[in-house]
Amino acid sequence: MRQLPSPLNTVVVSSLFLSIALLSAGLLDRPAASFDETRPAIVQWEFHTTTVNLHDYPDTLSKLGGEGWEVFSVDRYESQVVQESESTYLRATQLMLTARRPKR
């Protein structure tokens, strides 16, 4: 009767095959890169917050995008209470936009 391999033997044999494959691909014997070679450039951001009326919203987004701003937050700034026959809800009248772009 044949015995099943133990989990430890399976891990050891798998690790051995993986090490051989990585060595043959040249991934383990290359020199380590220095910290400066792998470090990404640090980006300095400038931020801009503005409020906009709801009907001016599309034009404001186009203007900000044309100036290089990336809008990442849109919040309700001012609302009015609307009461209809069976419901009451808030309707946004002004929005607050927060945008960022890399410093120039």
N, C-alpha and C. Protein backbone atom coordinates (compact mmCIF):
# COMPACT_ATOMS: atom_id res chain seq x y z
N MET A 1 0.83 -1.17 0.00
CA MET A 1 0.00 0.00 0.00
C MET A 1 0.89 1.25 0.00
N ARG A 2 0.53 2.23 -0.84
CA ARG A 2 1.34 3.43 -1.01
C ARG A 2 0.86 4.50 -0.03
N GLN A 3 1.81 5.22 0.63
CA GLN A 3 1.47 6.26 1.59
C GLN A 3 1.42 7.62 0.88
N LEU A 4 0.51 8.44 1.36
CA LEU A 4 0.43 9.80 0.83
C LEU A 4 1.56 10.64 1.40
N PRO A 5 2.08 11.61 0.63
CA PRO A 5 3.17 12.43 1.14
C PRO A 5 2.67 13.34 2.28
N SER A 6 3.56 13.60 3.23
CA SER A 6 3.19 14.47 4.35
C SER A 6 3.19 15.92 3.88
N PRO A 7 2.45 16.78 4.56
CA PRO A 7 2.41 18.19 4.17
C PRO A 7 3.79 18.85 4.21
N LEU A 8 4.63 18.45 5.16
CA LEU A 8 5.97 19.03 5.26
C LEU A 8 6.80 18.67 4.04
N ASN A 9 6.75 17.41 3.62
CA ASN A 9 7.50 17.01 2.43
C ASN A 9 7.00 17.75 1.19
N THR A 10 5.70 17.95 1.10
CA THR A 10 5.13 18.67 -0.05
C THR A 10 5.65 20.10 -0.10
N VAL A 11 5.72 20.77 1.05
CA VAL A 11 6.21 22.14 1.11
C VAL A 11 7.69 22.20 0.75
N VAL A 12 8.48 21.29 1.26
CA VAL A 12 9.92 21.28 0.99
C VAL A 12 10.17 21.03 -0.49
N VAL A 13 9.51 20.06 -1.06
CA VAL A 13 9.72 19.75 -2.48
C VAL A 13 9.24 20.91 -3.35
N SER A 14 8.11 21.51 -3.02
CA SER A 14 7.61 22.65 -3.78
C SER A 14 8.56 23.83 -3.70
N SER A 15 9.11 24.10 -2.52
CA SER A 15 10.06 25.19 -2.35
C SER A 15 11.33 24.93 -3.15
N LEU A 16 11.77 23.70 -3.17
CA LEU A 16 12.97 23.34 -3.93
C LEU A 16 12.75 23.58 -5.42
N PHE A 17 11.63 23.13 -5.95
CA PHE A 17 11.34 23.35 -7.38
C PHE A 17 11.19 24.83 -7.71
N LEU A 18 10.57 25.60 -6.81
CA LEU A 18 10.41 27.03 -7.04
C LEU A 18 11.77 27.73 -7.03
N SER A 19 12.65 27.36 -6.12
CA SER A 19 13.99 27.96 -6.07
C SER A 19 14.77 27.65 -7.33
N ILE A 20 14.68 26.43 -7.81
CA ILE A 20 15.39 26.05 -9.04
C ILE A 20 14.84 26.84 -10.23
N ALA A 21 13.53 27.00 -10.28
CA ALA A 21 12.92 27.75 -11.38
C ALA A 21 13.34 29.22 -11.34
N LEU A 22 13.38 29.82 -10.16
CA LEU A 22 13.78 31.22 -10.05
C LEU A 22 15.25 31.42 -10.37
N LEU A 23 16.09 30.49 -9.94
CA LEU A 23 17.52 30.58 -10.27
C LEU A 23 17.74 30.45 -11.76
N SER A 24 17.04 29.54 -12.40
CA SER A 24 17.21 29.35 -13.83
C SER A 24 16.68 30.55 -14.62
N ALA A 25 15.71 31.26 -14.07
CA ALA A 25 15.19 32.46 -14.73
C ALA A 25 16.05 33.68 -14.44
N GLY A 26 17.00 33.56 -13.52
CA GLY A 26 17.90 34.66 -13.21
C GLY A 26 17.31 35.68 -12.26
N LEU A 27 16.29 35.31 -11.52
CA LEU A 27 15.65 36.28 -10.64
C LEU A 27 16.28 36.35 -9.25
N LEU A 28 16.99 35.30 -8.84
CA LEU A 28 17.56 35.31 -7.49
C LEU A 28 19.01 35.75 -7.45
N ASP A 29 19.72 35.68 -8.59
CA ASP A 29 21.14 35.98 -8.54
C ASP A 29 21.48 37.38 -9.05
N ARG A 30 20.48 38.23 -9.30
CA ARG A 30 20.79 39.58 -9.74
C ARG A 30 21.08 40.46 -8.53
N PRO A 31 21.93 41.47 -8.69
CA PRO A 31 22.28 42.30 -7.53
C PRO A 31 21.08 43.13 -7.07
N ALA A 32 21.08 43.44 -5.80
CA ALA A 32 19.99 44.24 -5.23
C ALA A 32 20.08 45.67 -5.74
N ALA A 33 18.94 46.29 -5.99
CA ALA A 33 18.91 47.67 -6.45
C ALA A 33 19.07 48.60 -5.26
N SER A 34 19.71 49.73 -5.48
CA SER A 34 19.85 50.68 -4.38
C SER A 34 18.51 51.36 -4.13
N PHE A 35 18.38 51.99 -2.99
CA PHE A 35 17.13 52.61 -2.60
C PHE A 35 16.75 53.73 -3.57
N ASP A 36 17.72 54.51 -4.05
CA ASP A 36 17.43 55.64 -4.92
C ASP A 36 16.92 55.21 -6.29
N GLU A 37 17.29 54.02 -6.76
CA GLU A 37 16.85 53.56 -8.07
C GLU A 37 15.38 53.15 -8.06
N THR A 38 14.89 52.66 -6.96
CA THR A 38 13.52 52.17 -6.91
C THR A 38 12.55 53.16 -6.29
N ARG A 39 13.04 54.25 -5.77
CA ARG A 39 12.19 55.22 -5.08
C ARG A 39 11.44 56.08 -6.09
N PRO A 40 10.12 56.10 -6.03
CA PRO A 40 9.37 56.95 -6.97
C PRO A 40 9.52 58.42 -6.59
N ALA A 41 9.32 59.27 -7.56
CA ALA A 41 9.39 60.70 -7.30
C ALA A 41 8.26 61.11 -6.35
N ILE A 42 8.57 61.99 -5.44
CA ILE A 42 7.57 62.48 -4.49
C ILE A 42 6.81 63.61 -5.15
N VAL A 43 5.50 63.48 -5.19
CA VAL A 43 4.66 64.48 -5.83
C VAL A 43 4.13 65.44 -4.77
N GLN A 44 4.31 66.72 -5.00
CA GLN A 44 3.75 67.74 -4.14
C GLN A 44 2.42 68.18 -4.76
N TRP A 45 1.36 68.19 -3.97
CA TRP A 45 0.03 68.52 -4.47
C TRP A 45 -0.39 69.89 -3.98
N GLU A 46 -1.15 70.59 -4.80
CA GLU A 46 -1.85 71.78 -4.35
C GLU A 46 -3.34 71.47 -4.42
N PHE A 47 -4.10 72.01 -3.47
CA PHE A 47 -5.52 71.70 -3.35
C PHE A 47 -6.35 72.96 -3.55
N HIS A 48 -7.57 72.75 -4.03
CA HIS A 48 -8.48 73.86 -4.32
C HIS A 48 -9.89 73.43 -3.94
N THR A 49 -10.59 74.28 -3.20
CA THR A 49 -11.98 74.02 -2.83
C THR A 49 -12.83 75.19 -3.28
N THR A 50 -13.96 74.88 -3.88
CA THR A 50 -14.86 75.92 -4.35
C THR A 50 -16.30 75.46 -4.20
N THR A 51 -17.20 76.42 -4.08
CA THR A 51 -18.63 76.09 -4.08
C THR A 51 -19.20 76.53 -5.42
N VAL A 52 -20.21 75.79 -5.86
CA VAL A 52 -20.79 76.04 -7.17
C VAL A 52 -22.29 75.80 -7.11
N ASN A 53 -23.04 76.63 -7.81
CA ASN A 53 -24.48 76.41 -7.93
C ASN A 53 -24.72 75.16 -8.78
N LEU A 54 -25.81 74.50 -8.53
CA LEU A 54 -26.08 73.24 -9.21
C LEU A 54 -26.15 73.41 -10.73
N HIS A 55 -26.71 74.49 -11.21
CA HIS A 55 -26.82 74.65 -12.66
C HIS A 55 -25.49 75.03 -13.32
N ASP A 56 -24.48 75.49 -12.54
CA ASP A 56 -23.15 75.81 -13.08
C ASP A 56 -22.17 74.65 -12.95
N TYR A 57 -22.62 73.56 -12.39
CA TYR A 57 -21.75 72.41 -12.09
C TYR A 57 -21.00 71.87 -13.32
N PRO A 58 -21.66 71.58 -14.45
CA PRO A 58 -20.93 71.03 -15.60
C PRO A 58 -19.86 71.99 -16.14
N ASP A 59 -20.19 73.29 -16.22
CA ASP A 59 -19.21 74.26 -16.71
C ASP A 59 -18.01 74.39 -15.78
N THR A 60 -18.27 74.32 -14.47
CA THR A 60 -17.19 74.42 -13.50
C THR A 60 -16.27 73.21 -13.59
N LEU A 61 -16.84 72.03 -13.77
CA LEU A 61 -16.01 70.83 -13.92
C LEU A 61 -15.13 70.93 -15.17
N SER A 62 -15.69 71.42 -16.26
CA SER A 62 -14.91 71.58 -17.50
C SER A 62 -13.78 72.58 -17.30
N LYS A 63 -14.07 73.68 -16.62
CA LYS A 63 -13.06 74.71 -16.36
C LYS A 63 -11.93 74.16 -15.49
N LEU A 64 -12.29 73.47 -14.41
CA LEU A 64 -11.27 72.90 -13.53
C LEU A 64 -10.42 71.87 -14.26
N GLY A 65 -11.06 71.01 -15.06
CA GLY A 65 -10.32 70.01 -15.82
C GLY A 65 -9.37 70.64 -16.82
N GLY A 66 -9.80 71.72 -17.46
CA GLY A 66 -8.94 72.42 -18.41
C GLY A 66 -7.73 73.05 -17.75
N GLU A 67 -7.84 73.39 -16.48
CA GLU A 67 -6.72 73.97 -15.74
C GLU A 67 -5.85 72.91 -15.07
N GLY A 68 -6.16 71.64 -15.29
CA GLY A 68 -5.33 70.57 -14.74
C GLY A 68 -5.75 70.07 -13.37
N TRP A 69 -6.90 70.49 -12.88
CA TRP A 69 -7.37 70.05 -11.57
C TRP A 69 -8.08 68.71 -11.70
N GLU A 70 -7.89 67.87 -10.70
CA GLU A 70 -8.56 66.57 -10.60
C GLU A 70 -9.52 66.63 -9.42
N VAL A 71 -10.81 66.66 -9.71
CA VAL A 71 -11.83 66.75 -8.65
C VAL A 71 -11.95 65.38 -7.99
N PHE A 72 -11.76 65.33 -6.68
CA PHE A 72 -11.85 64.06 -5.97
C PHE A 72 -12.93 64.03 -4.90
N SER A 73 -13.61 65.15 -4.70
CA SER A 73 -14.67 65.17 -3.70
C SER A 73 -15.76 66.14 -4.13
N VAL A 74 -17.00 65.66 -4.11
CA VAL A 74 -18.17 66.49 -4.38
C VAL A 74 -19.13 66.30 -3.21
N ASP A 75 -19.38 67.38 -2.48
CA ASP A 75 -20.25 67.31 -1.30
C ASP A 75 -21.39 68.31 -1.45
N ARG A 76 -22.50 67.99 -0.82
CA ARG A 76 -23.62 68.93 -0.77
C ARG A 76 -23.22 70.05 0.18
N TYR A 77 -23.33 71.29 -0.30
CA TYR A 77 -22.94 72.44 0.52
C TYR A 77 -24.17 73.16 1.07
N GLU A 78 -25.17 73.32 0.23
CA GLU A 78 -26.39 73.99 0.67
C GLU A 78 -27.57 73.24 0.06
N SER A 79 -28.63 73.09 0.85
CA SER A 79 -29.81 72.35 0.39
C SER A 79 -31.06 73.10 0.78
N GLN A 80 -32.13 72.74 0.13
CA GLN A 80 -33.43 73.27 0.53
C GLN A 80 -34.37 72.10 0.76
N VAL A 81 -35.28 72.28 1.69
CA VAL A 81 -36.26 71.24 2.01
C VAL A 81 -37.41 71.35 1.02
N VAL A 82 -37.72 70.23 0.39
CA VAL A 82 -38.82 70.19 -0.58
C VAL A 82 -39.89 69.27 0.00
N GLN A 83 -41.12 69.81 0.09
CA GLN A 83 -42.24 69.01 0.58
C GLN A 83 -43.24 68.83 -0.55
N GLU A 84 -43.49 67.58 -0.84
CA GLU A 84 -44.49 67.25 -1.85
C GLU A 84 -45.64 66.55 -1.14
N SER A 85 -46.59 66.07 -1.88
CA SER A 85 -47.82 65.53 -1.29
C SER A 85 -47.57 64.51 -0.19
N GLU A 86 -46.73 63.53 -0.45
CA GLU A 86 -46.52 62.48 0.56
C GLU A 86 -45.07 62.31 0.97
N SER A 87 -44.20 63.18 0.52
CA SER A 87 -42.78 63.01 0.85
C SER A 87 -42.12 64.36 1.10
N THR A 88 -41.07 64.29 1.88
CA THR A 88 -40.23 65.45 2.15
C THR A 88 -38.78 65.02 1.90
N TYR A 89 -38.02 65.84 1.18
CA TYR A 89 -36.63 65.48 0.90
C TYR A 89 -35.81 66.76 0.75
N LEU A 90 -34.49 66.59 0.72
CA LEU A 90 -33.57 67.70 0.54
C LEU A 90 -33.13 67.75 -0.92
N ARG A 91 -33.13 68.93 -1.50
CA ARG A 91 -32.63 69.13 -2.86
C ARG A 91 -31.39 70.00 -2.76
N ALA A 92 -30.29 69.53 -3.31
CA ALA A 92 -29.05 70.29 -3.28
C ALA A 92 -29.17 71.52 -4.16
N THR A 93 -28.72 72.66 -3.66
CA THR A 93 -28.72 73.89 -4.46
C THR A 93 -27.29 74.34 -4.73
N GLN A 94 -26.37 73.98 -3.85
CA GLN A 94 -24.96 74.29 -4.06
C GLN A 94 -24.12 73.08 -3.70
N LEU A 95 -23.03 72.92 -4.42
CA LEU A 95 -22.10 71.81 -4.17
C LEU A 95 -20.73 72.38 -3.82
N MET A 96 -19.99 71.64 -3.02
CA MET A 96 -18.62 72.01 -2.70
C MET A 96 -17.70 71.01 -3.39
N LEU A 97 -16.82 71.51 -4.24
CA LEU A 97 -15.88 70.67 -4.98
C LEU A 97 -14.49 70.84 -4.38
N THR A 98 -13.80 69.73 -4.21
CA THR A 98 -12.41 69.77 -3.76
C THR A 98 -11.59 69.06 -4.83
N ALA A 99 -10.52 69.75 -5.26
CA ALA A 99 -9.70 69.25 -6.36
C ALA A 99 -8.22 69.34 -6.00
N ARG A 100 -7.41 68.61 -6.76
CA ARG A 100 -5.96 68.67 -6.55
C ARG A 100 -5.27 68.60 -7.89
N ARG A 101 -4.03 69.07 -7.91
CA ARG A 101 -3.16 68.94 -9.08
C ARG A 101 -1.72 69.00 -8.61
N PRO A 102 -0.80 68.44 -9.35
CA PRO A 102 0.61 68.51 -8.95
C PRO A 102 1.07 69.98 -8.97
N LYS A 103 1.91 70.33 -7.98
CA LYS A 103 2.44 71.70 -7.93
C LYS A 103 3.31 71.92 -9.15
N ARG A 104 3.23 73.10 -9.68
CA ARG A 104 4.01 73.43 -10.87
C ARG A 104 5.28 74.13 -10.51
